[in-house]
Every structure is written in structure tokens, then in C-alpha cells.
Amino acid sequence: MPRYFFNVFYGPSNVDVIGEDLPDEQAAWHEGTRVAGELFHDLDDGFRPGQEWRLEITDDAKNLLYVIRISGEQAK
């Protein structure tokens, strides 16, 4: 079963060195959206306008497959 990695970039980067075995890229996307929601929720009040939060999903060869990006902007 292929292994996928979920790297978070917000403040100090958190590179996933363990990864997770999943059946395919579709399952990695599904897991990535679940993980992103949980991690972003855990930021509580720490996320501010002008900041970006990013989760990158890579395969075992470190090929970038998907990026989930959240950016905060203040409306003018």
C-alpha cells in the first residue's frame, strides 16, 4: 500500500516524517481534507488576516500531489 505524507506550513513548518499507508491518491486527498480541518480548528484564535496556513500532501517519493491553502485577508 502506498505511503502519503501530510506536511503543514504555518509558523514553524511541521514536516511529516512518518506518513500514512493509504490505498490511493483519492484516499490521500480525503485524509488530507480531514486532517486539514482538524488542524486548522485547533488553531483557535491564532490565525489572523495576512497569514497563510498550508497542508501539502506528498507521496513516498516526495512528489507533491495536493495543496490545501487557507489565507486570511481583511476586506477593504
C-alpha atoms as a PDB file:
ATOM      1  CA  MET A   1       0.000   0.000   0.000  1.00  0.00           C
ATOM      2  CA  PRO A   2       1.431   3.448  -0.895  1.00  0.00           C
ATOM      3  CA  ARG A   3       2.533   5.839   1.847  1.00  0.00           C
ATOM      4  CA  TYR A   4       1.479   9.505   1.854  1.00  0.00           C
ATOM      5  CA  PHE A   5       2.784  12.438   3.893  1.00  0.00           C
ATOM      6  CA  PHE A   6       0.892  15.469   5.228  1.00  0.00           C
ATOM      7  CA  ASN A   7       3.180  18.474   5.734  1.00  0.00           C
ATOM      8  CA  VAL A   8       1.875  21.581   7.484  1.00  0.00           C
ATOM      9  CA  PHE A   9       3.299  25.046   6.832  1.00  0.00           C
ATOM     10  CA  TYR A  10       2.216  27.666   9.355  1.00  0.00           C
ATOM     11  CA  GLY A  11       4.730  29.395  11.563  1.00  0.00           C
ATOM     12  CA  PRO A  12       7.314  26.701  12.143  1.00  0.00           C
ATOM     13  CA  SER A  13       6.844  24.026   9.491  1.00  0.00           C
ATOM     14  CA  ASN A  14       5.753  20.562  10.537  1.00  0.00           C
ATOM     15  CA  VAL A  15       7.118  18.013   8.081  1.00  0.00           C
ATOM     16  CA  ASP A  16       5.509  14.595   8.383  1.00  0.00           C
ATOM     17  CA  VAL A  17       8.284  12.000   8.637  1.00  0.00           C
ATOM     18  CA  ILE A  18       6.016   9.044   9.447  1.00  0.00           C
ATOM     19  CA  GLY A  19       3.295   9.263   6.800  1.00  0.00           C
ATOM     20  CA  GLU A  20       0.279   7.062   6.438  1.00  0.00           C
ATOM     21  CA  ASP A  21      -0.393   3.995   4.303  1.00  0.00           C
ATOM     22  CA  LEU A  22      -3.471   4.584   2.147  1.00  0.00           C
ATOM     23  CA  PRO A  23      -4.886   2.745  -0.887  1.00  0.00           C
ATOM     24  CA  ASP A  24      -4.501   5.553  -3.439  1.00  0.00           C
ATOM     25  CA  GLU A  25      -4.278   9.299  -4.123  1.00  0.00           C
ATOM     26  CA  GLN A  26      -8.049   9.739  -3.735  1.00  0.00           C
ATOM     27  CA  ALA A  27      -7.829   8.318  -0.200  1.00  0.00           C
ATOM     28  CA  ALA A  28      -4.854  10.618   0.491  1.00  0.00           C
ATOM     29  CA  TRP A  29      -6.931  13.634  -0.607  1.00  0.00           C
ATOM     30  CA  HIS A  30      -9.817  12.570   1.617  1.00  0.00           C
ATOM     31  CA  GLU A  31      -7.490  12.083   4.603  1.00  0.00           C
ATOM     32  CA  GLY A  32      -5.774  15.397   3.852  1.00  0.00           C
ATOM     33  CA  THR A  33      -9.043  17.339   3.956  1.00  0.00           C
ATOM     34  CA  ARG A  34      -9.971  15.653   7.229  1.00  0.00           C
ATOM     35  CA  VAL A  35      -6.564  16.382   8.769  1.00  0.00           C
ATOM     36  CA  ALA A  36      -6.591  19.973   7.492  1.00  0.00           C
ATOM     37  CA  GLY A  37      -9.976  20.629   9.089  1.00  0.00           C
ATOM     38  CA  GLU A  38      -8.880  19.223  12.441  1.00  0.00           C
ATOM     39  CA  LEU A  39      -5.547  21.039  12.498  1.00  0.00           C
ATOM     40  CA  PHE A  40      -6.995  24.363  11.386  1.00  0.00           C
ATOM     41  CA  HIS A  41      -9.712  24.076  14.021  1.00  0.00           C
ATOM     42  CA  ASP A  42      -7.037  23.577  16.684  1.00  0.00           C
ATOM     43  CA  LEU A  43      -5.508  26.990  15.894  1.00  0.00           C
ATOM     44  CA  ASP A  44      -8.370  28.568  17.876  1.00  0.00           C
ATOM     45  CA  ASP A  45      -7.842  32.342  17.752  1.00  0.00           C
ATOM     46  CA  GLY A  46      -4.246  32.159  16.482  1.00  0.00           C
ATOM     47  CA  PHE A  47      -4.968  32.687  12.781  1.00  0.00           C
ATOM     48  CA  ARG A  48      -5.042  36.335  11.704  1.00  0.00           C
ATOM     49  CA  PRO A  49      -5.569  38.336   8.488  1.00  0.00           C
ATOM     50  CA  GLY A  50      -2.403  38.387   6.414  1.00  0.00           C
ATOM     51  CA  GLN A  51      -1.404  34.861   7.410  1.00  0.00           C
ATOM     52  CA  GLU A  52      -1.410  31.688   5.357  1.00  0.00           C
ATOM     53  CA  TRP A  53      -1.876  28.087   6.502  1.00  0.00           C
ATOM     54  CA  ARG A  54      -0.958  25.291   4.096  1.00  0.00           C
ATOM     55  CA  LEU A  55      -1.065  21.496   4.050  1.00  0.00           C
ATOM     56  CA  GLU A  56       0.873  19.687   1.337  1.00  0.00           C
ATOM     57  CA  ILE A  57       0.224  16.057   0.516  1.00  0.00           C
ATOM     58  CA  THR A  58       3.141  14.142  -0.993  1.00  0.00           C
ATOM     59  CA  ASP A  59       3.758  10.553  -1.999  1.00  0.00           C
ATOM     60  CA  ASP A  60       6.560   8.284  -0.801  1.00  0.00           C
ATOM     61  CA  ALA A  61       8.929   9.769  -3.415  1.00  0.00           C
ATOM     62  CA  LYS A  62       8.148  13.277  -2.013  1.00  0.00           C
ATOM     63  CA  ASN A  63       6.232  14.239  -5.178  1.00  0.00           C
ATOM     64  CA  LEU A  64       3.756  17.000  -4.407  1.00  0.00           C
ATOM     65  CA  LEU A  65       0.223  15.723  -5.109  1.00  0.00           C
ATOM     66  CA  TYR A  66      -2.137  18.220  -3.482  1.00  0.00           C
ATOM     67  CA  VAL A  67      -2.039  21.542  -1.647  1.00  0.00           C
ATOM     68  CA  ILE A  68      -4.748  22.795   0.704  1.00  0.00           C
ATOM     69  CA  ARG A  69      -4.217  26.502   1.319  1.00  0.00           C
ATOM     70  CA  ILE A  70      -6.070  28.847   3.655  1.00  0.00           C
ATOM     71  CA  SER A  71      -5.236  32.549   3.639  1.00  0.00           C
ATOM     72  CA  GLY A  72      -6.721  35.311   5.717  1.00  0.00           C
ATOM     73  CA  GLU A  73      -7.404  38.737   4.236  1.00  0.00           C
ATOM     74  CA  GLN A  74      -9.129  41.795   5.588  1.00  0.00           C
ATOM     75  CA  ALA A  75     -11.765  43.163   3.217  1.00  0.00           C
ATOM     76  CA  LYS A  76     -11.229  46.754   2.163  1.00  0.00           C
END
